[in-house]
Amino acid sequence: MNPQEQELEYPWGETLPESGHALTVADGVRWIRMPLPFALDHINLWLLRDRVDGREGWTVVDCGIDRGEVRECWEAVFTQALEGLPVLRVMVTHMHPDHVGLAHWLCDRWQAPLWMTMTDYAMARLWAGASVTDTAVEGSGPAGGAAARHFARHGLVDQEAQALIRKRHDYYAGLVPAMPARFHRLMDGQDVQIGGRSWRVIVGYGHAPEHASLWCPTLGVLISGDMVLPRISTNISVFDIEPEANPLPLYLDSLKAYDDLSADALVLPSHGRPFRGLHRRIAQQQAHHAARLDDVLAACVRPQSAHDLLPVLFRRKLDLHQLGFAMGESIAHLHALYFQGALTRTLDDDGVYRFRQS
């Protein structure tokens, strides 16, 4: 456990839900975990006891990726954790594959509606199952031909890395092969009744187009999605689909929406363990990004590309999956400083953007 983690409280310690089983974390709230085939090897999902139109059952929050082993885990959950009751609706915090990948299957399996924000539903619907030859949907985050060209403009010109990024053209569609054809819209400030309790939707930006967290003041529980994580820093990236984006200030500003939540709120994050210490963790994230911005600004005393800055921002070896997100995050930090006027930018003769102190 790193020093920052020690400043947080973990009510369940090292205890984790067993595969196919659920762990109760609050009245009517259960925690399940599904595997991921990445360095970040799990996602937390949530079961909320519910009643819809007179039917007893469950609302599922987030879904996991579409893989056979994840479907098998879900089947075990259906048998062992639902008390013989159906899934009544599926809520998705945002459009990233580990959150929305199996929404189509869960909704079809239970004839349950999907609840999601408009922007993230539209993005997921655009990219899900997209053909690699369809240039209208070629951008899909950290992988594919458009991503390779985007990263090359920011200094990632290594031919082997470029080839590997292009090869993963089906990254998103492979994990999210389809999306439900219709949905119910979640909006910021909306109160959703789940199991007789009100859950307030808190929309945040920067990590995803329109990320929805859920706050239940009665229980003192925040389902934070990826906006607040206990161990790792939320990824904030600039990808090819919006190459001039400036997401880091959006993310940091979004964290202010949690200021009025209880100091002892139980935070249920998508990765890591449930914890208390929401405001302390947000302060840690604010300080983390402020320090990284200082590091980037200092490094840019000489012209630097986003690729040049990877060793400044990341002190560990990056695999291919991590490399795409690291490049996106490096660009995001450069853009934050560039758009506030602290850096200037040039497109050099080699076709690479480089940034320097103003």
Foldseek 3Di string as FASTA:
>chain_A
DDPLLVVWFFPVPPDDADQLEWDDDFVQKTWHWFADPDPQGIWIKIWGFFADPNFTWTEIEFQAWDDPRSVVSVVSNCVHPTVVGAHAAYEFQAQALGGAHCVVVNCVVRVHAYEYAPVRQVLNQLLAQDDCPPVVNQWDALAAQLQLVLLVQQPPPPPVLSVVRNVCSCVSNVGRNHHDPDHHHDDAQDWDQGHNFTWGWQWAFQLHHTGTWTATQVGLEIAPEQLFDSPDARQGFQGSVHNLDQRPVRSLVSLVVCVPRDQQRFYNYGGDGTIGGSVSRSVVNVVLLVVLLVQVQVVQQDWHGLVRCLVVNDVDDDDSVRVSSSSGRSVNSVSNCVVVPQWDWDQDPSSYIIIHGD
